[in-house]
């Protein structure tokens, strides 16, 4: 049985929860998700092994759950050689997903305009903690911080 997103390729630059969960759902629906992690460190969630020790593993069970149905590669995004490799990959990508603070990836040459230059039909999904503009735009923001700011936890 074919899945709804078979044939769709996604380059996933996201980390921790929001982006990986979104791309996990796309992978569940058949998309070819390629997770691009930081060389030498990987996704921060991979190493949060507190719960892994309870189940006898070496990686975070949450990381494994939110990154299922993905292929993964660790790359140094600051390398010019790696930049050329990623731009080559982008030519066949349908979607790029990232959840860094606004402008962080663009400074490294991985902004929307960079991908659009090699693939005019690419969809660029950006999901930063505090949006693309406003008083907190430069602040890092992930799950617990956003929940607190929104009044969901006390």
Protein backbone atom coordinates (compact mmCIF):
# COMPACT_ATOMS: atom_id res chain seq x y z
CA UNK A 1 0.00 0.00 0.00
CA UNK A 2 1.40 3.38 -0.99
CA UNK A 3 1.73 6.06 1.63
CA UNK A 4 0.55 9.63 1.06
CA UNK A 5 4.01 11.22 0.95
CA UNK A 6 5.99 8.55 -0.90
CA UNK A 7 8.36 10.25 -3.32
CA UNK A 8 8.62 13.43 -1.21
CA UNK A 9 12.18 14.16 -0.02
CA UNK A 10 12.78 16.28 3.08
CA UNK A 11 16.06 17.74 4.34
CA UNK A 12 15.64 18.00 8.10
CA UNK A 13 17.96 20.45 9.90
CA UNK A 14 15.79 20.45 13.02
CA UNK A 15 16.76 19.41 16.53
CA UNK A 16 15.24 18.65 19.94
CA UNK A 17 11.44 18.40 19.75
CA UNK A 18 9.35 20.65 17.51
CA UNK A 19 11.02 20.02 14.15
CA UNK A 20 11.90 16.35 14.72
CA UNK A 21 8.31 15.59 15.75
CA UNK A 22 6.95 17.31 12.63
CA UNK A 23 9.33 15.46 10.31
CA UNK A 24 8.67 12.19 12.15
CA UNK A 25 5.01 12.53 11.16
CA UNK A 26 6.02 13.22 7.55
CA UNK A 27 8.27 10.16 7.61
CA UNK A 28 5.40 8.09 9.02
CA UNK A 29 3.40 9.14 5.96
CA UNK A 30 6.11 7.88 3.61
CA UNK A 31 8.36 10.90 3.04
CA UNK A 32 12.09 10.27 2.60
CA UNK A 33 13.45 12.30 5.53
CA UNK A 34 17.18 12.97 5.70
CA UNK A 35 18.11 14.33 9.14
CA UNK A 36 21.22 16.51 9.04
CA UNK A 37 22.91 16.61 12.46
CA UNK A 38 25.89 18.55 13.78
CA UNK A 39 29.15 16.64 13.26
CA UNK A 40 30.66 15.51 16.55
CA UNK A 41 27.56 16.33 18.58
CA UNK A 42 24.44 15.26 16.73
CA UNK A 43 21.00 16.30 17.86
CA UNK A 44 21.17 17.37 21.52
CA UNK A 45 18.27 15.04 22.31
CA UNK A 46 20.26 12.01 21.17
CA UNK A 47 22.57 12.37 24.17
CA UNK A 48 19.90 13.01 26.81
CA UNK A 49 20.28 9.49 28.13
CA UNK A 50 18.63 9.80 31.55
CA UNK A 51 15.64 7.72 30.43
CA UNK A 52 17.77 5.47 28.22
CA UNK A 53 19.45 4.06 31.31
CA UNK A 54 16.09 2.88 32.62
CA UNK A 55 15.50 0.74 29.55
CA UNK A 56 19.09 -0.38 29.05
CA UNK A 57 19.87 1.74 26.00
CA UNK A 58 22.54 4.25 25.09
CA UNK A 59 20.39 6.83 23.28
CA UNK A 60 17.39 8.80 24.43
CA UNK A 61 14.16 6.86 23.80
CA UNK A 62 12.50 10.19 23.01
CA UNK A 63 15.14 10.91 20.37
CA UNK A 64 14.58 7.48 18.85
CA UNK A 65 10.79 7.95 18.83
CA UNK A 66 10.83 11.43 17.27
CA UNK A 67 13.43 10.50 14.69
CA UNK A 68 12.04 7.23 13.42
CA UNK A 69 11.58 6.70 9.69
CA UNK A 70 14.56 8.95 8.93
CA UNK A 71 18.01 8.56 7.53
CA UNK A 72 20.65 10.57 9.36
CA UNK A 73 23.98 12.12 8.50
CA UNK A 74 26.32 14.21 10.68
CA UNK A 75 27.96 17.12 8.86
CA UNK A 76 29.94 20.25 9.69
CA UNK A 77 27.62 22.94 8.34
CA UNK A 78 30.46 25.51 8.40
CA UNK A 79 32.50 23.54 5.85
CA UNK A 80 32.42 24.85 2.24
CA UNK A 81 32.77 21.28 0.97
CA UNK A 82 29.74 20.23 3.03
CA UNK A 83 27.84 23.27 1.76
CA UNK A 84 28.33 22.06 -1.82
CA UNK A 85 27.16 18.56 -0.85
CA UNK A 86 24.01 19.88 0.85
CA UNK A 87 23.18 22.15 -2.08
CA UNK A 88 23.51 19.13 -4.37
CA UNK A 89 21.11 17.23 -2.08
CA UNK A 90 18.75 20.22 -2.16
CA UNK A 91 18.32 19.89 -5.91
CA UNK A 92 16.20 16.77 -5.35
CA UNK A 93 14.54 17.92 -2.11
CA UNK A 94 10.92 18.98 -1.95
CA UNK A 95 11.04 20.43 1.56
CA UNK A 96 13.66 21.85 3.94
CA UNK A 97 12.74 21.93 7.65
CA UNK A 98 14.68 23.85 10.29
CA UNK A 99 13.99 25.21 13.77
CA UNK A 100 17.00 27.39 14.51
CA UNK A 101 16.65 31.02 15.59
CA UNK A 102 15.86 33.27 12.61
CA UNK A 103 18.92 33.94 10.48
CA UNK A 104 21.21 31.31 12.03
CA UNK A 105 21.17 28.92 9.06
CA UNK A 106 21.09 31.77 6.55
CA UNK A 107 24.42 33.05 7.93
CA UNK A 108 25.88 29.63 7.11
CA UNK A 109 24.46 29.69 3.58
CA UNK A 110 21.37 27.57 4.25
CA UNK A 111 18.59 30.15 4.16
CA UNK A 112 15.51 30.06 1.97
CA UNK A 113 17.14 32.12 -0.80
CA UNK A 114 20.15 29.77 -0.87
CA UNK A 115 17.96 26.71 -1.36
CA UNK A 116 15.66 28.50 -3.80
CA UNK A 117 18.70 29.35 -5.97
CA UNK A 118 19.36 25.64 -6.59
CA UNK A 119 15.75 24.44 -6.40
CA UNK A 120 13.06 27.05 -7.20
CA UNK A 121 10.22 24.72 -6.14
CA UNK A 122 11.59 23.99 -2.64
CA UNK A 123 9.33 24.54 0.37
CA UNK A 124 11.24 26.01 3.33
CA UNK A 125 9.64 25.35 6.72
CA UNK A 126 11.03 27.41 9.57
CA UNK A 127 9.79 26.96 13.12
CA UNK A 128 11.73 29.04 15.63
CA UNK A 129 10.73 29.28 19.27
CA UNK A 130 9.52 32.87 19.17
CA UNK A 131 8.70 33.42 15.50
CA UNK A 132 10.44 35.43 12.81
CA UNK A 133 10.08 38.87 14.40
CA UNK A 134 9.27 40.46 17.72
CA UNK A 135 10.98 41.23 21.03
CA UNK A 136 12.20 37.67 21.71
CA UNK A 137 13.31 36.76 18.19
CA UNK A 138 17.01 36.45 19.12
CA UNK A 139 16.36 34.24 22.14
CA UNK A 140 16.79 30.49 21.93
CA UNK A 141 13.50 28.78 22.67
CA UNK A 142 12.40 25.20 23.02
CA UNK A 143 9.52 23.28 24.53
CA UNK A 144 9.72 24.02 28.27
CA UNK A 145 10.62 27.69 27.77
CA UNK A 146 7.70 28.22 25.41
CA UNK A 147 5.30 26.37 27.72
CA UNK A 148 6.34 28.59 30.63
CA UNK A 149 6.01 31.79 28.62
CA UNK A 150 2.59 30.71 27.38
CA UNK A 151 1.41 29.97 30.93
CA UNK A 152 1.01 26.23 30.38
CA UNK A 153 3.26 25.33 33.31
CA UNK A 154 3.69 26.99 36.65
